[in-house]
């Protein structure tokens, strides 16, 4: 992705309004989005979604100077088979569109991405949230089975 230009105050305010409206509409639908919160005095939103494989997936949307960064925690740091867990996730990176698996400060695994502030609209928010949920639900049981072998058991279908 090319370096996005710095978003103006007006563009950032318009993006924040779009996120607020989109999140309120999804919450009102009573579907997958079960909670929405905004960090006071910051341009960060927390979207809590009901997952299929992972009970809940929280997606953080954070407006930055040029981009809206998004991330979702996939799993805690693996306890065993660490190399194999990371290898599995790195191989899955090749199949993911506009997102990637990464390690967070506490070695937890996150799914992250970013889009220019000017590109944030309802369709883009639908793509980010829907894809994040789908990707996390797709890798969670396998990654947990590898990284927490003997402790994690996939819930019955």
C-alpha atoms as a PDB file:
ATOM      1  CA  UNK A   1       0.000   0.000   0.000  1.00  0.00           C
ATOM      2  CA  UNK A   2       1.373   3.418  -0.937  1.00  0.00           C
ATOM      3  CA  UNK A   3       1.826   5.908   1.832  1.00  0.00           C
ATOM      4  CA  UNK A   4      -1.479   7.690   2.345  1.00  0.00           C
ATOM      5  CA  UNK A   5      -1.460  11.451   2.661  1.00  0.00           C
ATOM      6  CA  UNK A   6      -2.105  13.052   6.045  1.00  0.00           C
ATOM      7  CA  UNK A   7      -5.833  13.319   6.623  1.00  0.00           C
ATOM      8  CA  UNK A   8      -7.236  16.757   7.368  1.00  0.00           C
ATOM      9  CA  UNK A   9      -9.221  17.494  10.517  1.00  0.00           C
ATOM     10  CA  UNK A  10     -12.385  17.546   8.409  1.00  0.00           C
ATOM     11  CA  UNK A  11     -11.602  14.153   6.855  1.00  0.00           C
ATOM     12  CA  UNK A  12     -10.864  12.645  10.264  1.00  0.00           C
ATOM     13  CA  UNK A  13     -14.101  14.045  11.713  1.00  0.00           C
ATOM     14  CA  UNK A  14     -16.078  12.691   8.750  1.00  0.00           C
ATOM     15  CA  UNK A  15     -14.439   9.283   9.186  1.00  0.00           C
ATOM     16  CA  UNK A  16     -15.261   9.263  12.900  1.00  0.00           C
ATOM     17  CA  UNK A  17     -18.880  10.086  12.113  1.00  0.00           C
ATOM     18  CA  UNK A  18     -19.020   7.262   9.536  1.00  0.00           C
ATOM     19  CA  UNK A  19     -17.619   4.784  12.060  1.00  0.00           C
ATOM     20  CA  UNK A  20     -20.074   5.930  14.754  1.00  0.00           C
ATOM     21  CA  UNK A  21     -23.079   5.635  12.422  1.00  0.00           C
ATOM     22  CA  UNK A  22     -21.972   2.310  10.981  1.00  0.00           C
ATOM     23  CA  UNK A  23     -21.329   0.824  14.438  1.00  0.00           C
ATOM     24  CA  UNK A  24     -24.649   2.079  15.833  1.00  0.00           C
ATOM     25  CA  UNK A  25     -26.530   0.601  12.863  1.00  0.00           C
ATOM     26  CA  UNK A  26     -24.819  -2.810  13.201  1.00  0.00           C
ATOM     27  CA  UNK A  27     -25.472  -2.865  16.948  1.00  0.00           C
ATOM     28  CA  UNK A  28     -29.138  -1.976  16.420  1.00  0.00           C
ATOM     29  CA  UNK A  29     -29.518  -4.910  14.004  1.00  0.00           C
ATOM     30  CA  UNK A  30     -28.929  -7.282  16.898  1.00  0.00           C
ATOM     31  CA  UNK A  31     -26.751  -9.626  14.846  1.00  0.00           C
ATOM     32  CA  UNK A  32     -23.062 -10.396  15.151  1.00  0.00           C
ATOM     33  CA  UNK A  33     -22.047  -7.044  16.681  1.00  0.00           C
ATOM     34  CA  UNK A  34     -22.964  -7.295  20.365  1.00  0.00           C
ATOM     35  CA  UNK A  35     -21.181  -4.251  21.804  1.00  0.00           C
ATOM     36  CA  UNK A  36     -19.592  -1.010  20.646  1.00  0.00           C
ATOM     37  CA  UNK A  37     -17.533   1.345  22.750  1.00  0.00           C
ATOM     38  CA  UNK A  38     -15.340   4.337  22.059  1.00  0.00           C
ATOM     39  CA  UNK A  39     -12.275   5.131  24.111  1.00  0.00           C
ATOM     40  CA  UNK A  40     -12.764   8.509  25.775  1.00  0.00           C
ATOM     41  CA  UNK A  41     -10.633  11.311  24.317  1.00  0.00           C
ATOM     42  CA  UNK A  42      -9.288   9.066  21.565  1.00  0.00           C
ATOM     43  CA  UNK A  43     -10.196   7.966  18.117  1.00  0.00           C
ATOM     44  CA  UNK A  44     -10.414   4.280  19.006  1.00  0.00           C
ATOM     45  CA  UNK A  45     -13.507   2.103  18.829  1.00  0.00           C
ATOM     46  CA  UNK A  46     -13.989  -1.387  20.231  1.00  0.00           C
ATOM     47  CA  UNK A  47     -16.388  -3.669  18.405  1.00  0.00           C
ATOM     48  CA  UNK A  48     -17.288  -6.906  20.163  1.00  0.00           C
ATOM     49  CA  UNK A  49     -18.603  -9.616  17.859  1.00  0.00           C
ATOM     50  CA  UNK A  50     -20.023 -13.037  18.512  1.00  0.00           C
ATOM     51  CA  UNK A  51     -17.857 -15.653  16.829  1.00  0.00           C
ATOM     52  CA  UNK A  52     -18.479 -19.225  15.786  1.00  0.00           C
ATOM     53  CA  UNK A  53     -15.166 -20.804  16.818  1.00  0.00           C
ATOM     54  CA  UNK A  54     -14.037 -18.163  19.287  1.00  0.00           C
ATOM     55  CA  UNK A  55     -16.847 -17.033  21.581  1.00  0.00           C
ATOM     56  CA  UNK A  56     -16.144 -13.341  21.066  1.00  0.00           C
ATOM     57  CA  UNK A  57     -13.843 -11.410  18.759  1.00  0.00           C
ATOM     58  CA  UNK A  58     -12.997  -7.808  19.605  1.00  0.00           C
ATOM     59  CA  UNK A  59     -11.907  -5.545  16.798  1.00  0.00           C
ATOM     60  CA  UNK A  60     -10.169  -2.264  17.588  1.00  0.00           C
ATOM     61  CA  UNK A  61     -10.495   0.514  15.035  1.00  0.00           C
ATOM     62  CA  UNK A  62      -7.952   3.273  15.641  1.00  0.00           C
ATOM     63  CA  UNK A  63      -7.738   6.394  13.553  1.00  0.00           C
ATOM     64  CA  UNK A  64      -4.184   7.466  12.948  1.00  0.00           C
ATOM     65  CA  UNK A  65      -2.693  10.433  11.131  1.00  0.00           C
ATOM     66  CA  UNK A  66      -3.054   8.827   7.695  1.00  0.00           C
ATOM     67  CA  UNK A  67      -4.889   5.565   8.189  1.00  0.00           C
ATOM     68  CA  UNK A  68      -7.491   3.740  10.167  1.00  0.00           C
ATOM     69  CA  UNK A  69      -5.678   0.826  11.793  1.00  0.00           C
ATOM     70  CA  UNK A  70      -7.682  -2.263  12.708  1.00  0.00           C
ATOM     71  CA  UNK A  71      -6.712  -5.241  14.818  1.00  0.00           C
ATOM     72  CA  UNK A  72      -8.251  -8.256  16.477  1.00  0.00           C
ATOM     73  CA  UNK A  73      -6.599 -10.576  18.960  1.00  0.00           C
ATOM     74  CA  UNK A  74      -6.531 -14.097  17.558  1.00  0.00           C
ATOM     75  CA  UNK A  75      -4.979 -15.979  20.465  1.00  0.00           C
ATOM     76  CA  UNK A  76      -2.581 -15.622  23.394  1.00  0.00           C
ATOM     77  CA  UNK A  77       1.085 -16.511  22.945  1.00  0.00           C
ATOM     78  CA  UNK A  78       1.358 -20.237  22.241  1.00  0.00           C
ATOM     79  CA  UNK A  79       2.671 -22.363  25.107  1.00  0.00           C
ATOM     80  CA  UNK A  80       3.914 -25.345  23.077  1.00  0.00           C
ATOM     81  CA  UNK A  81       4.762 -25.990  19.433  1.00  0.00           C
ATOM     82  CA  UNK A  82       5.596 -22.311  19.121  1.00  0.00           C
ATOM     83  CA  UNK A  83       7.473 -22.599  15.836  1.00  0.00           C
ATOM     84  CA  UNK A  84       4.723 -24.722  14.316  1.00  0.00           C
ATOM     85  CA  UNK A  85       2.017 -22.310  15.468  1.00  0.00           C
ATOM     86  CA  UNK A  86       3.765 -19.312  13.926  1.00  0.00           C
ATOM     87  CA  UNK A  87       4.544 -21.268  10.760  1.00  0.00           C
ATOM     88  CA  UNK A  88       0.855 -22.145  10.377  1.00  0.00           C
ATOM     89  CA  UNK A  89      -0.156 -18.488  10.790  1.00  0.00           C
ATOM     90  CA  UNK A  90       2.553 -17.183   8.458  1.00  0.00           C
ATOM     91  CA  UNK A  91       1.421 -19.604   5.773  1.00  0.00           C
ATOM     92  CA  UNK A  92      -2.150 -18.396   6.245  1.00  0.00           C
ATOM     93  CA  UNK A  93      -0.957 -14.797   5.671  1.00  0.00           C
ATOM     94  CA  UNK A  94      -0.579 -15.652   1.988  1.00  0.00           C
ATOM     95  CA  UNK A  95      -4.335 -16.343   1.761  1.00  0.00           C
ATOM     96  CA  UNK A  96      -5.504 -13.182   3.512  1.00  0.00           C
ATOM     97  CA  UNK A  97      -6.534 -10.031   1.666  1.00  0.00           C
ATOM     98  CA  UNK A  98      -5.344  -6.648   3.042  1.00  0.00           C
ATOM     99  CA  UNK A  99      -4.640  -8.028   6.540  1.00  0.00           C
ATOM    100  CA  UNK A 100      -1.893 -10.027   8.195  1.00  0.00           C
ATOM    101  CA  UNK A 101      -1.135 -11.969  11.338  1.00  0.00           C
ATOM    102  CA  UNK A 102       1.362 -10.272  13.648  1.00  0.00           C
ATOM    103  CA  UNK A 103       2.714 -10.534  17.174  1.00  0.00           C
ATOM    104  CA  UNK A 104       1.654  -8.012  19.775  1.00  0.00           C
ATOM    105  CA  UNK A 105       3.762  -6.657  22.638  1.00  0.00           C
ATOM    106  CA  UNK A 106       2.840  -9.572  24.928  1.00  0.00           C
ATOM    107  CA  UNK A 107       3.551 -12.106  22.123  1.00  0.00           C
ATOM    108  CA  UNK A 108      -0.175 -12.646  21.530  1.00  0.00           C
ATOM    109  CA  UNK A 109      -1.213 -13.157  17.914  1.00  0.00           C
ATOM    110  CA  UNK A 110      -3.232 -10.401  16.251  1.00  0.00           C
ATOM    111  CA  UNK A 111      -4.845  -9.920  12.877  1.00  0.00           C
ATOM    112  CA  UNK A 112      -4.014  -6.389  11.738  1.00  0.00           C
ATOM    113  CA  UNK A 113      -4.478  -4.082   8.787  1.00  0.00           C
ATOM    114  CA  UNK A 114      -4.963  -0.476   7.789  1.00  0.00           C
ATOM    115  CA  UNK A 115      -6.755   1.586   5.192  1.00  0.00           C
ATOM    116  CA  UNK A 116      -6.428   5.276   4.307  1.00  0.00           C
ATOM    117  CA  UNK A 117      -8.794   7.459   6.318  1.00  0.00           C
ATOM    118  CA  UNK A 118     -10.340   8.697   3.055  1.00  0.00           C
ATOM    119  CA  UNK A 119     -11.235   5.088   2.085  1.00  0.00           C
ATOM    120  CA  UNK A 120     -13.336   4.384   5.168  1.00  0.00           C
ATOM    121  CA  UNK A 121     -16.983   3.993   4.213  1.00  0.00           C
ATOM    122  CA  UNK A 122     -19.764   1.532   5.067  1.00  0.00           C
ATOM    123  CA  UNK A 123     -18.583  -1.030   2.513  1.00  0.00           C
ATOM    124  CA  UNK A 124     -15.008  -0.864   3.790  1.00  0.00           C
ATOM    125  CA  UNK A 125     -16.149  -1.204   7.404  1.00  0.00           C
ATOM    126  CA  UNK A 126     -18.294  -4.210   6.412  1.00  0.00           C
ATOM    127  CA  UNK A 127     -15.252  -5.760   4.682  1.00  0.00           C
ATOM    128  CA  UNK A 128     -12.892  -5.122   7.587  1.00  0.00           C
ATOM    129  CA  UNK A 129     -15.229  -6.392  10.290  1.00  0.00           C
ATOM    130  CA  UNK A 130     -16.589  -9.326   8.277  1.00  0.00           C
ATOM    131  CA  UNK A 131     -13.160 -10.432   7.081  1.00  0.00           C
ATOM    132  CA  UNK A 132     -11.618 -10.055  10.534  1.00  0.00           C
ATOM    133  CA  UNK A 133     -14.307 -12.235  12.063  1.00  0.00           C
ATOM    134  CA  UNK A 134     -14.072 -14.819   9.284  1.00  0.00           C
ATOM    135  CA  UNK A 135     -10.264 -15.016   9.385  1.00  0.00           C
ATOM    136  CA  UNK A 136     -10.097 -15.246  13.191  1.00  0.00           C
ATOM    137  CA  UNK A 137     -12.794 -17.940  13.275  1.00  0.00           C
ATOM    138  CA  UNK A 138     -11.026 -19.849  10.483  1.00  0.00           C
ATOM    139  CA  UNK A 139      -7.582 -20.047  12.113  1.00  0.00           C
ATOM    140  CA  UNK A 140      -8.465 -20.020  15.808  1.00  0.00           C
ATOM    141  CA  UNK A 141      -9.212 -23.739  16.352  1.00  0.00           C
ATOM    142  CA  UNK A 142      -6.185 -24.970  14.410  1.00  0.00           C
ATOM    143  CA  UNK A 143      -3.766 -22.423  15.878  1.00  0.00           C
ATOM    144  CA  UNK A 144      -5.016 -23.126  19.405  1.00  0.00           C
ATOM    145  CA  UNK A 145      -4.778 -26.888  18.846  1.00  0.00           C
ATOM    146  CA  UNK A 146      -1.149 -26.490  17.800  1.00  0.00           C
ATOM    147  CA  UNK A 147      -0.095 -23.851  20.347  1.00  0.00           C
ATOM    148  CA  UNK A 148      -2.004 -25.307  23.294  1.00  0.00           C
ATOM    149  CA  UNK A 149      -1.849 -28.995  22.402  1.00  0.00           C
ATOM    150  CA  UNK A 150      -3.490 -31.133  25.067  1.00  0.00           C
ATOM    151  CA  UNK A 151      -5.198 -28.140  26.690  1.00  0.00           C
ATOM    152  CA  UNK A 152      -7.386 -26.739  23.935  1.00  0.00           C
ATOM    153  CA  UNK A 153     -10.270 -28.773  22.616  1.00  0.00           C
ATOM    154  CA  UNK A 154     -12.469 -27.518  19.847  1.00  0.00           C
ATOM    155  CA  UNK A 155     -16.043 -27.151  20.953  1.00  0.00           C
ATOM    156  CA  UNK A 156     -18.538 -29.618  19.507  1.00  0.00           C
ATOM    157  CA  UNK A 157     -20.276 -28.539  16.338  1.00  0.00           C
END
